[in-house]
Amino acid sequence: MFVVLRLPPYHPDFNPIENIWAQIKGHVSSQNVAMNLTKVKELVENKVNSIGPEDWKKVVQHAKKCEAEFMRWEHKIDGWIEKLLIHVSHSSDSDDMQISDSD
């Protein structure tokens, strides 16, 4: 049996690569004072090379923790959303009304 879990794309809590990219971008923005493309490339490469298995393990563990929490709440959220939905049918109230000549 499979359970479909709809995850928001690019959400950092569910996509470890987004957290890694955030680390890279943070490093580049804090170190790139010259706004030089060559320097940006160098900073990106340096940061990518410095990210090791332990860093990946942390972001994957974080994603798994968030996923488990989301799964715990998903059925409740689905129920709340269902209560908020307005179901529209093809017939309207005006179709059910009868108009007489005396009106």
PDB file of N, CA and C in Angstrom:
ATOM      1  N   MET A   1       0.841  -1.178   0.000  1.00  0.00           N
ATOM      2  CA  MET A   1       0.000   0.000   0.000  1.00  0.00           C
ATOM      3  C   MET A   1       0.887   1.244   0.000  1.00  0.00           C
ATOM      4  N   PHE A   2       0.465   2.241  -0.754  1.00  0.00           N
ATOM      5  CA  PHE A   2       1.189   3.500  -0.818  1.00  0.00           C
ATOM      6  C   PHE A   2       0.346   4.602  -0.197  1.00  0.00           C
ATOM      7  N   VAL A   3       1.002   5.519   0.457  1.00  0.00           N
ATOM      8  CA  VAL A   3       0.326   6.688   1.002  1.00  0.00           C
ATOM      9  C   VAL A   3       0.826   7.889   0.218  1.00  0.00           C
ATOM     10  N   VAL A   4      -0.093   8.612  -0.388  1.00  0.00           N
ATOM     11  CA  VAL A   4       0.286   9.801  -1.143  1.00  0.00           C
ATOM     12  C   VAL A   4       0.348  10.966  -0.170  1.00  0.00           C
ATOM     13  N   LEU A   5       1.486  11.597  -0.114  1.00  0.00           N
ATOM     14  CA  LEU A   5       1.673  12.753   0.739  1.00  0.00           C
ATOM     15  C   LEU A   5       1.990  13.932  -0.164  1.00  0.00           C
ATOM     16  N   ARG A   6       1.097  14.881  -0.216  1.00  0.00           N
ATOM     17  CA  ARG A   6       1.288  16.046  -1.089  1.00  0.00           C
ATOM     18  C   ARG A   6       2.171  17.063  -0.372  1.00  0.00           C
ATOM     19  N   LEU A   7       3.366  17.212  -0.871  1.00  0.00           N
ATOM     20  CA  LEU A   7       4.305  18.152  -0.269  1.00  0.00           C
ATOM     21  C   LEU A   7       4.422  19.390  -1.138  1.00  0.00           C
ATOM     22  N   PRO A   8       4.515  20.539  -0.507  1.00  0.00           N
ATOM     23  CA  PRO A   8       4.698  21.749  -1.311  1.00  0.00           C
ATOM     24  C   PRO A   8       6.084  21.751  -1.959  1.00  0.00           C
ATOM     25  N   PRO A   9       6.142  21.977  -3.253  1.00  0.00           N
ATOM     26  CA  PRO A   9       7.449  21.984  -3.913  1.00  0.00           C
ATOM     27  C   PRO A   9       8.305  23.150  -3.415  1.00  0.00           C
ATOM     28  N   TYR A  10       9.567  22.926  -3.340  1.00  0.00           N
ATOM     29  CA  TYR A  10      10.565  23.931  -2.944  1.00  0.00           C
ATOM     30  C   TYR A  10      10.458  24.352  -1.475  1.00  0.00           C
ATOM     31  N   HIS A  11       9.617  23.684  -0.702  1.00  0.00           N
ATOM     32  CA  HIS A  11       9.476  24.040   0.710  1.00  0.00           C
ATOM     33  C   HIS A  11      10.685  23.499   1.470  1.00  0.00           C
ATOM     34  N   PRO A  12      11.413  24.355   2.174  1.00  0.00           N
ATOM     35  CA  PRO A  12      12.648  23.912   2.819  1.00  0.00           C
ATOM     36  C   PRO A  12      12.441  22.854   3.896  1.00  0.00           C
ATOM     37  N   ASP A  13      11.263  22.817   4.514  1.00  0.00           N
ATOM     38  CA  ASP A  13      11.044  21.813   5.551  1.00  0.00           C
ATOM     39  C   ASP A  13      10.915  20.406   4.989  1.00  0.00           C
ATOM     40  N   PHE A  14      10.567  20.276   3.721  1.00  0.00           N
ATOM     41  CA  PHE A  14      10.341  18.963   3.137  1.00  0.00           C
ATOM     42  C   PHE A  14      11.353  18.602   2.046  1.00  0.00           C
ATOM     43  N   ASN A  15      12.184  19.522   1.663  1.00  0.00           N
ATOM     44  CA  ASN A  15      13.144  19.298   0.580  1.00  0.00           C
ATOM     45  C   ASN A  15      14.546  19.660   1.073  1.00  0.00           C
ATOM     46  N   PRO A  16      15.329  18.676   1.470  1.00  0.00           N
ATOM     47  CA  PRO A  16      16.650  18.957   2.039  1.00  0.00           C
ATOM     48  C   PRO A  16      17.537  19.832   1.156  1.00  0.00           C
ATOM     49  N   ILE A  17      17.439  19.681  -0.160  1.00  0.00           N
ATOM     50  CA  ILE A  17      18.298  20.478  -1.044  1.00  0.00           C
ATOM     51  C   ILE A  17      18.034  21.972  -0.872  1.00  0.00           C
ATOM     52  N   GLU A  18      16.797  22.324  -0.512  1.00  0.00           N
ATOM     53  CA  GLU A  18      16.481  23.743  -0.309  1.00  0.00           C
ATOM     54  C   GLU A  18      17.250  24.301   0.887  1.00  0.00           C
ATOM     55  N   ASN A  19      17.427  23.495   1.924  1.00  0.00           N
ATOM     56  CA  ASN A  19      18.220  23.938   3.076  1.00  0.00           C
ATOM     57  C   ASN A  19      19.694  24.052   2.723  1.00  0.00           C
ATOM     58  N   ILE A  20      20.167  23.140   1.899  1.00  0.00           N
ATOM     59  CA  ILE A  20      21.562  23.216   1.452  1.00  0.00           C
ATOM     60  C   ILE A  20      21.771  24.472   0.614  1.00  0.00           C
ATOM     61  N   TRP A  21      20.840  24.738  -0.310  1.00  0.00           N
ATOM     62  CA  TRP A  21      20.946  25.951  -1.133  1.00  0.00           C
ATOM     63  C   TRP A  21      20.903  27.201  -0.253  1.00  0.00           C
ATOM     64  N   ALA A  22      20.086  27.183   0.784  1.00  0.00           N
ATOM     65  CA  ALA A  22      20.015  28.335   1.693  1.00  0.00           C
ATOM     66  C   ALA A  22      21.363  28.563   2.373  1.00  0.00           C
ATOM     67  N   GLN A  23      22.023  27.483   2.756  1.00  0.00           N
ATOM     68  CA  GLN A  23      23.351  27.611   3.357  1.00  0.00           C
ATOM     69  C   GLN A  23      24.343  28.206   2.363  1.00  0.00           C
ATOM     70  N   ILE A  24      24.287  27.732   1.131  1.00  0.00           N
ATOM     71  CA  ILE A  24      25.198  28.232   0.093  1.00  0.00           C
ATOM     72  C   ILE A  24      24.928  29.711  -0.168  1.00  0.00           C
ATOM     73  N   LYS A  25      23.661  30.059  -0.344  1.00  0.00           N
ATOM     74  CA  LYS A  25      23.313  31.463  -0.620  1.00  0.00           C
ATOM     75  C   LYS A  25      23.685  32.367   0.546  1.00  0.00           C
ATOM     76  N   GLY A  26      23.469  31.881   1.771  1.00  0.00           N
ATOM     77  CA  GLY A  26      23.845  32.672   2.946  1.00  0.00           C
ATOM     78  C   GLY A  26      25.340  32.921   3.000  1.00  0.00           C
ATOM     79  N   HIS A  27      26.102  31.890   2.689  1.00  0.00           N
ATOM     80  CA  HIS A  27      27.562  32.020   2.674  1.00  0.00           C
ATOM     81  C   HIS A  27      28.003  33.029   1.612  1.00  0.00           C
ATOM     82  N   VAL A  28      27.449  32.898   0.416  1.00  0.00           N
ATOM     83  CA  VAL A  28      27.828  33.799  -0.679  1.00  0.00           C
ATOM     84  C   VAL A  28      27.454  35.237  -0.339  1.00  0.00           C
ATOM     85  N   SER A  29      26.247  35.438   0.170  1.00  0.00           N
ATOM     86  CA  SER A  29      25.816  36.817   0.450  1.00  0.00           C
ATOM     87  C   SER A  29      26.624  37.453   1.579  1.00  0.00           C
ATOM     88  N   SER A  30      27.085  36.650   2.521  1.00  0.00           N
ATOM     89  CA  SER A  30      27.873  37.224   3.617  1.00  0.00           C
ATOM     90  C   SER A  30      29.325  37.494   3.218  1.00  0.00           C
ATOM     91  N   GLN A  31      29.813  36.813   2.193  1.00  0.00           N
ATOM     92  CA  GLN A  31      31.216  36.938   1.791  1.00  0.00           C
ATOM     93  C   GLN A  31      31.437  37.754   0.523  1.00  0.00           C
ATOM     94  N   ASN A  32      30.394  37.944  -0.268  1.00  0.00           N
ATOM     95  CA  ASN A  32      30.548  38.593  -1.569  1.00  0.00           C
ATOM     96  C   ASN A  32      30.320  40.096  -1.442  1.00  0.00           C
ATOM     97  N   VAL A  33      31.365  40.820  -1.135  1.00  0.00           N
ATOM     98  CA  VAL A  33      31.243  42.268  -1.009  1.00  0.00           C
ATOM     99  C   VAL A  33      31.532  42.977  -2.328  1.00  0.00           C
ATOM    100  N   ALA A  34      32.246  42.332  -3.227  1.00  0.00           N
ATOM    101  CA  ALA A  34      32.641  42.965  -4.487  1.00  0.00           C
ATOM    102  C   ALA A  34      31.594  42.804  -5.581  1.00  0.00           C
ATOM    103  N   MET A  35      30.613  41.914  -5.392  1.00  0.00           N
ATOM    104  CA  MET A  35      29.597  41.633  -6.414  1.00  0.00           C
ATOM    105  C   MET A  35      30.267  41.253  -7.738  1.00  0.00           C
ATOM    106  N   ASN A  36      31.222  40.381  -7.635  1.00  0.00           N
ATOM    107  CA  ASN A  36      32.005  39.935  -8.776  1.00  0.00           C
ATOM    108  C   ASN A  36      31.601  38.496  -9.093  1.00  0.00           C
ATOM    109  N   LEU A  37      31.238  38.225 -10.354  1.00  0.00           N
ATOM    110  CA  LEU A  37      30.764  36.901 -10.748  1.00  0.00           C
ATOM    111  C   LEU A  37      31.820  35.819 -10.521  1.00  0.00           C
ATOM    112  N   THR A  38      33.059  36.141 -10.766  1.00  0.00           N
ATOM    113  CA  THR A  38      34.138  35.175 -10.542  1.00  0.00           C
ATOM    114  C   THR A  38      34.229  34.823  -9.060  1.00  0.00           C
ATOM    115  N   LYS A  39      34.091  35.838  -8.221  1.00  0.00           N
ATOM    116  CA  LYS A  39      34.134  35.623  -6.769  1.00  0.00           C
ATOM    117  C   LYS A  39      32.925  34.806  -6.316  1.00  0.00           C
ATOM    118  N   VAL A  40      31.753  35.082  -6.893  1.00  0.00           N
ATOM    119  CA  VAL A  40      30.543  34.327  -6.547  1.00  0.00           C
ATOM    120  C   VAL A  40      30.744  32.848  -6.873  1.00  0.00           C
ATOM    121  N   LYS A  41      31.264  32.576  -8.057  1.00  0.00           N
ATOM    122  CA  LYS A  41      31.511  31.189  -8.467  1.00  0.00           C
ATOM    123  C   LYS A  41      32.468  30.509  -7.493  1.00  0.00           C
ATOM    124  N   GLU A  42      33.503  31.209  -7.119  1.00  0.00           N
ATOM    125  CA  GLU A  42      34.491  30.662  -6.186  1.00  0.00           C
ATOM    126  C   GLU A  42      33.849  30.382  -4.823  1.00  0.00           C
ATOM    127  N   LEU A  43      33.035  31.319  -4.347  1.00  0.00           N
ATOM    128  CA  LEU A  43      32.369  31.140  -3.052  1.00  0.00           C
ATOM    129  C   LEU A  43      31.401  29.958  -3.074  1.00  0.00           C
ATOM    130  N   VAL A  44      30.656  29.830  -4.167  1.00  0.00           N
ATOM    131  CA  VAL A  44      29.719  28.705  -4.299  1.00  0.00           C
ATOM    132  C   VAL A  44      30.486  27.389  -4.285  1.00  0.00           C
ATOM    133  N   GLU A  45      31.528  27.309  -5.079  1.00  0.00           N
ATOM    134  CA  GLU A  45      32.316  26.073  -5.145  1.00  0.00           C
ATOM    135  C   GLU A  45      32.925  25.727  -3.788  1.00  0.00           C
ATOM    136  N   ASN A  46      33.443  26.739  -3.096  1.00  0.00           N
ATOM    137  CA  ASN A  46      34.040  26.496  -1.777  1.00  0.00           C
ATOM    138  C   ASN A  46      33.004  25.974  -0.786  1.00  0.00           C
ATOM    139  N   LYS A  47      31.835  26.589  -0.789  1.00  0.00           N
ATOM    140  CA  LYS A  47      30.791  26.162   0.153  1.00  0.00           C
ATOM    141  C   LYS A  47      30.278  24.770  -0.197  1.00  0.00           C
ATOM    142  N   VAL A  48      30.052  24.516  -1.479  1.00  0.00           N
ATOM    143  CA  VAL A  48      29.589  23.184  -1.905  1.00  0.00           C
ATOM    144  C   VAL A  48      30.597  22.124  -1.468  1.00  0.00           C
ATOM    145  N   ASN A  49      31.865  22.409  -1.655  1.00  0.00           N
ATOM    146  CA  ASN A  49      32.907  21.448  -1.278  1.00  0.00           C
ATOM    147  C   ASN A  49      33.024  21.269   0.236  1.00  0.00           C
ATOM    148  N   SER A  50      32.578  22.263   0.995  1.00  0.00           N
ATOM    149  CA  SER A  50      32.674  22.162   2.457  1.00  0.00           C
ATOM    150  C   SER A  50      31.474  21.445   3.082  1.00  0.00           C
ATOM    151  N   ILE A  51      30.425  21.235   2.308  1.00  0.00           N
ATOM    152  CA  ILE A  51      29.239  20.551   2.830  1.00  0.00           C
ATOM    153  C   ILE A  51      29.499  19.051   2.792  1.00  0.00           C
ATOM    154  N   GLY A  52      29.488  18.461   3.965  1.00  0.00           N
ATOM    155  CA  GLY A  52      29.822  17.042   4.066  1.00  0.00           C
ATOM    156  C   GLY A  52      28.629  16.167   4.413  1.00  0.00           C
ATOM    157  N   PRO A  53      28.895  14.890   4.598  1.00  0.00           N
ATOM    158  CA  PRO A  53      27.827  13.935   4.915  1.00  0.00           C
ATOM    159  C   PRO A  53      27.036  14.310   6.170  1.00  0.00           C
ATOM    160  N   GLU A  54      27.705  14.858   7.160  1.00  0.00           N
ATOM    161  CA  GLU A  54      27.006  15.237   8.401  1.00  0.00           C
ATOM    162  C   GLU A  54      26.009  16.369   8.148  1.00  0.00           C
ATOM    163  N   ASP A  55      26.379  17.311   7.283  1.00  0.00           N
ATOM    164  CA  ASP A  55      25.460  18.405   6.926  1.00  0.00           C
ATOM    165  C   ASP A  55      24.222  17.848   6.224  1.00  0.00           C
ATOM    166  N   TRP A  56      24.450  16.934   5.285  1.00  0.00           N
ATOM    167  CA  TRP A  56      23.332  16.310   4.566  1.00  0.00           C
ATOM    168  C   TRP A  56      22.458  15.511   5.523  1.00  0.00           C
ATOM    169  N   LYS A  57      23.097  14.809   6.435  1.00  0.00           N
ATOM    170  CA  LYS A  57      22.351  14.007   7.405  1.00  0.00           C
ATOM    171  C   LYS A  57      21.418  14.899   8.226  1.00  0.00           C
ATOM    172  N   LYS A  58      21.912  16.059   8.647  1.00  0.00           N
ATOM    173  CA  LYS A  58      21.100  16.989   9.443  1.00  0.00           C
ATOM    174  C   LYS A  58      19.879  17.474   8.670  1.00  0.00           C
ATOM    175  N   VAL A  59      20.074  17.880   7.414  1.00  0.00           N
ATOM    176  CA  VAL A  59      18.932  18.420   6.665  1.00  0.00           C
ATOM    177  C   VAL A  59      17.936  17.323   6.299  1.00  0.00           C
ATOM    178  N   VAL A  60      18.429  16.110   6.063  1.00  0.00           N
ATOM    179  CA  VAL A  60      17.521  14.991   5.766  1.00  0.00           C
ATOM    180  C   VAL A  60      16.734  14.624   7.022  1.00  0.00           C
ATOM    181  N   GLN A  61      17.398  14.588   8.172  1.00  0.00           N
ATOM    182  CA  GLN A  61      16.693  14.297   9.427  1.00  0.00           C
ATOM    183  C   GLN A  61      15.622  15.356   9.702  1.00  0.00           C
ATOM    184  N   HIS A  62      15.960  16.607   9.441  1.00  0.00           N
ATOM    185  CA  HIS A  62      14.987  17.688   9.628  1.00  0.00           C
ATOM    186  C   HIS A  62      13.777  17.479   8.718  1.00  0.00           C
ATOM    187  N   ALA A  63      14.020  17.137   7.467  1.00  0.00           N
ATOM    188  CA  ALA A  63      12.922  16.911   6.520  1.00  0.00           C
ATOM    189  C   ALA A  63      12.053  15.736   6.963  1.00  0.00           C
ATOM    190  N   LYS A  64      12.672  14.669   7.434  1.00  0.00           N
ATOM    191  CA  LYS A  64      11.909  13.506   7.896  1.00  0.00           C
ATOM    192  C   LYS A  64      11.064  13.857   9.117  1.00  0.00           C
ATOM    193  N   LYS A  65      11.627  14.643  10.012  1.00  0.00           N
ATOM    194  CA  LYS A  65      10.892  15.069  11.209  1.00  0.00           C
ATOM    195  C   LYS A  65       9.684  15.918  10.805  1.00  0.00           C
ATOM    196  N   CYS A  66       9.888  16.853   9.897  1.00  0.00           N
ATOM    197  CA  CYS A  66       8.791  17.708   9.429  1.00  0.00           C
ATOM    198  C   CYS A  66       7.738  16.892   8.689  1.00  0.00           C
ATOM    199  N   GLU A  67       8.183  15.923   7.900  1.00  0.00           N
ATOM    200  CA  GLU A  67       7.251  15.067   7.162  1.00  0.00           C
ATOM    201  C   GLU A  67       6.386  14.253   8.125  1.00  0.00           C
ATOM    202  N   ALA A  68       7.011  13.699   9.163  1.00  0.00           N
ATOM    203  CA  ALA A  68       6.258  12.917  10.148  1.00  0.00           C
ATOM    204  C   ALA A  68       5.232  13.796  10.856  1.00  0.00           C
ATOM    205  N   GLU A  69       5.624  15.000  11.199  1.00  0.00           N
ATOM    206  CA  GLU A  69       4.699  15.935  11.852  1.00  0.00           C
ATOM    207  C   GLU A  69       3.553  16.302  10.912  1.00  0.00           C
ATOM    208  N   PHE A  70       3.883  16.534   9.667  1.00  0.00           N
ATOM    209  CA  PHE A  70       2.856  16.867   8.672  1.00  0.00           C
ATOM    210  C   PHE A  70       1.881  15.701   8.505  1.00  0.00           C
ATOM    211  N   MET A  71       2.399  14.490   8.441  1.00  0.00           N
ATOM    212  CA  MET A  71       1.539  13.311   8.287  1.00  0.00           C
ATOM    213  C   MET A  71       0.625  13.145   9.501  1.00  0.00           C
ATOM    214  N   ARG A  72       1.130  13.496  10.668  1.00  0.00           N
ATOM    215  CA  ARG A  72       0.345  13.399  11.893  1.00  0.00           C
ATOM    216  C   ARG A  72      -0.852  14.346  11.853  1.00  0.00           C
ATOM    217  N   TRP A  73      -0.680  15.489  11.224  1.00  0.00           N
ATOM    218  CA  TRP A  73      -1.729  16.508  11.179  1.00  0.00           C
ATOM    219  C   TRP A  73      -2.558  16.470   9.903  1.00  0.00           C
ATOM    220  N   GLU A  74      -2.084  15.764   8.873  1.00  0.00           N
ATOM    221  CA  GLU A  74      -2.732  15.840   7.560  1.00  0.00           C
ATOM    222  C   GLU A  74      -4.209  15.467   7.607  1.00  0.00           C
ATOM    223  N   HIS A  75      -4.577  14.385   8.291  1.00  0.00           N
ATOM    224  CA  HIS A  75      -5.984  13.976   8.312  1.00  0.00           C
ATOM    225  C   HIS A  75      -6.868  15.016   8.989  1.00  0.00           C
ATOM    226  N   LYS A  76      -6.334  15.681  10.018  1.00  0.00           N
ATOM    227  CA  LYS A  76      -7.105  16.741  10.681  1.00  0.00           C
ATOM    228  C   LYS A  76      -7.261  17.944   9.753  1.00  0.00           C
ATOM    229  N   ILE A  77      -6.187  18.290   9.077  1.00  0.00           N
ATOM    230  CA  ILE A  77      -6.231  19.426   8.156  1.00  0.00           C
ATOM    231  C   ILE A  77      -7.209  19.149   7.022  1.00  0.00           C
ATOM    232  N   ASP A  78      -7.184  17.920   6.495  1.00  0.00           N
ATOM    233  CA  ASP A  78      -8.133  17.557   5.433  1.00  0.00           C
ATOM    234  C   ASP A  78      -9.567  17.731   5.910  1.00  0.00           C
ATOM    235  N   GLY A  79      -9.852  17.353   7.151  1.00  0.00           N
ATOM    236  CA  GLY A  79     -11.196  17.526   7.712  1.00  0.00           C
ATOM    237  C   GLY A  79     -11.574  18.990   7.831  1.00  0.00           C
ATOM    238  N   TRP A  80     -10.627  19.806   8.262  1.00  0.00           N
ATOM    239  CA  TRP A  80     -10.900  21.240   8.389  1.00  0.00           C
ATOM    240  C   TRP A  80     -11.161  21.863   7.021  1.00  0.00           C
ATOM    241  N   ILE A  81     -10.359  21.469   6.043  1.00  0.00           N
ATOM    242  CA  ILE A  81     -10.527  22.008   4.689  1.00  0.00           C
ATOM    243  C   ILE A  81     -11.878  21.599   4.129  1.00  0.00           C
ATOM    244  N   GLU A  82     -12.265  20.356   4.366  1.00  0.00           N
ATOM    245  CA  GLU A  82     -13.557  19.869   3.865  1.00  0.00           C
ATOM    246  C   GLU A  82     -14.703  20.714   4.423  1.00  0.00           C
ATOM    247  N   LYS A  83     -14.595  21.126   5.671  1.00  0.00           N
ATOM    248  CA  LYS A  83     -15.641  21.963   6.281  1.00  0.00           C
ATOM    249  C   LYS A  83     -15.690  23.350   5.644  1.00  0.00           C
ATOM    250  N   LEU A  84     -14.577  23.804   5.110  1.00  0.00           N
ATOM    251  CA  LEU A  84     -14.511  25.136   4.505  1.00  0.00           C
ATOM    252  C   LEU A  84     -14.971  25.159   3.053  1.00  0.00           C
ATOM    253  N   LEU A  85     -14.986  23.998   2.410  1.00  0.00           N
ATOM    254  CA  LEU A  85     -15.334  23.943   0.993  1.00  0.00           C
ATOM    255  C   LEU A  85     -16.816  24.189   0.775  1.00  0.00           C
ATOM    256  N   ILE A  86     -17.112  24.880  -0.280  1.00  0.00           N
ATOM    257  CA  ILE A  86     -18.491  25.093  -0.701  1.00  0.00           C
ATOM    258  C   ILE A  86     -18.685  24.263  -1.956  1.00  0.00           C
ATOM    259  N   HIS A  87     -19.584  23.306  -1.874  1.00  0.00           N
ATOM    260  CA  HIS A  87     -19.841  22.434  -3.014  1.00  0.00           C
ATOM    261  C   HIS A  87     -20.911  23.077  -3.885  1.00  0.00           C
ATOM    262  N   VAL A  88     -20.596  23.288  -5.128  1.00  0.00           N
ATOM    263  CA  VAL A  88     -21.497  23.943  -6.069  1.00  0.00           C
ATOM    264  C   VAL A  88     -22.108  22.876  -6.960  1.00  0.00           C
ATOM    265  N   SER A  89     -23.440  22.890  -7.043  1.00  0.00           N
ATOM    266  CA  SER A  89     -24.108  21.939  -7.931  1.00  0.00           C
ATOM    267  C   SER A  89     -24.532  22.668  -9.194  1.00  0.00           C
ATOM    268  N   HIS A  90     -24.987  21.911 -10.176  1.00  0.00           N
ATOM    269  CA  HIS A  90     -25.387  22.510 -11.450  1.00  0.00           C
ATOM    270  C   HIS A  90     -26.714  23.240 -11.355  1.00  0.00           C
ATOM    271  N   SER A  91     -27.533  22.868 -10.412  1.00  0.00           N
ATOM    272  CA  SER A  91     -28.817  23.566 -10.278  1.00  0.00           C
ATOM    273  C   SER A  91     -28.677  24.669  -9.248  1.00  0.00           C
ATOM    274  N   SER A  92     -29.447  25.696  -9.395  1.00  0.00           N
ATOM    275  CA  SER A  92     -29.403  26.796  -8.442  1.00  0.00           C
ATOM    276  C   SER A  92     -30.748  26.898  -7.746  1.00  0.00           C
ATOM    277  N   ASP A  93     -30.793  27.683  -6.707  1.00  0.00           N
ATOM    278  CA  ASP A  93     -32.045  27.875  -5.977  1.00  0.00           C
ATOM    279  C   ASP A  93     -33.118  28.463  -6.874  1.00  0.00           C
ATOM    280  N   SER A  94     -32.721  29.302  -7.810  1.00  0.00           N
ATOM    281  CA  SER A  94     -33.703  29.942  -8.684  1.00  0.00           C
ATOM    282  C   SER A  94     -34.379  28.930  -9.608  1.00  0.00           C
ATOM    283  N   ASP A  95     -33.693  27.825  -9.910  1.00  0.00           N
ATOM    284  CA  ASP A  95     -34.296  26.783 -10.740  1.00  0.00           C
ATOM    285  C   ASP A  95     -35.435  26.089 -10.010  1.00  0.00           C
ATOM    286  N   ASP A  96     -35.346  26.044  -8.690  1.00  0.00           N
ATOM    287  CA  ASP A  96     -36.356  25.354  -7.896  1.00  0.00           C
ATOM    288  C   ASP A  96     -37.583  26.226  -7.630  1.00  0.00           C
ATOM    289  N   MET A  97     -37.443  27.503  -7.844  1.00  0.00           N
ATOM    290  CA  MET A  97     -38.563  28.416  -7.577  1.00  0.00           C
ATOM    291  C   MET A  97     -39.573  28.358  -8.717  1.00  0.00           C
ATOM    292  N   GLN A  98     -40.826  28.423  -8.338  1.00  0.00           N
ATOM    293  CA  GLN A  98     -41.882  28.463  -9.342  1.00  0.00           C
ATOM    294  C   GLN A  98     -42.468  29.864  -9.358  1.00  0.00           C
ATOM    295  N   ILE A  99     -42.642  30.384 -10.523  1.00  0.00           N
ATOM    296  CA  ILE A  99     -43.203  31.728 -10.668  1.00  0.00           C
ATOM    297  C   ILE A  99     -44.601  31.584 -11.242  1.00  0.00           C
ATOM    298  N   SER A 100     -45.532  32.207 -10.568  1.00  0.00           N
ATOM    299  CA  SER A 100     -46.911  32.146 -11.066  1.00  0.00           C
ATOM    300  C   SER A 100     -47.267  33.456 -11.734  1.00  0.00           C
ATOM    301  N   ASP A 101     -48.327  33.451 -12.509  1.00  0.00           N
ATOM    302  CA  ASP A 101     -48.773  34.659 -13.198  1.00  0.00           C
ATOM    303  C   ASP A 101     -49.226  35.728 -12.222  1.00  0.00           C
ATOM    304  N   SER A 102     -49.645  35.325 -11.041  1.00  0.00           N
ATOM    305  CA  SER A 102     -50.141  36.297 -10.075  1.00  0.00           C
ATOM    306  C   SER A 102     -49.018  37.087  -9.424  1.00  0.00           C
ATOM    307  N   ASP A 103     -47.780  36.609  -9.545  1.00  0.00           N
ATOM    308  CA  ASP A 103     -46.648  37.332  -8.951  1.00  0.00           C
ATOM    309  C   ASP A 103     -46.372  38.493  -9.815  1.00  0.00           C
TER     310      ASP A 103
END
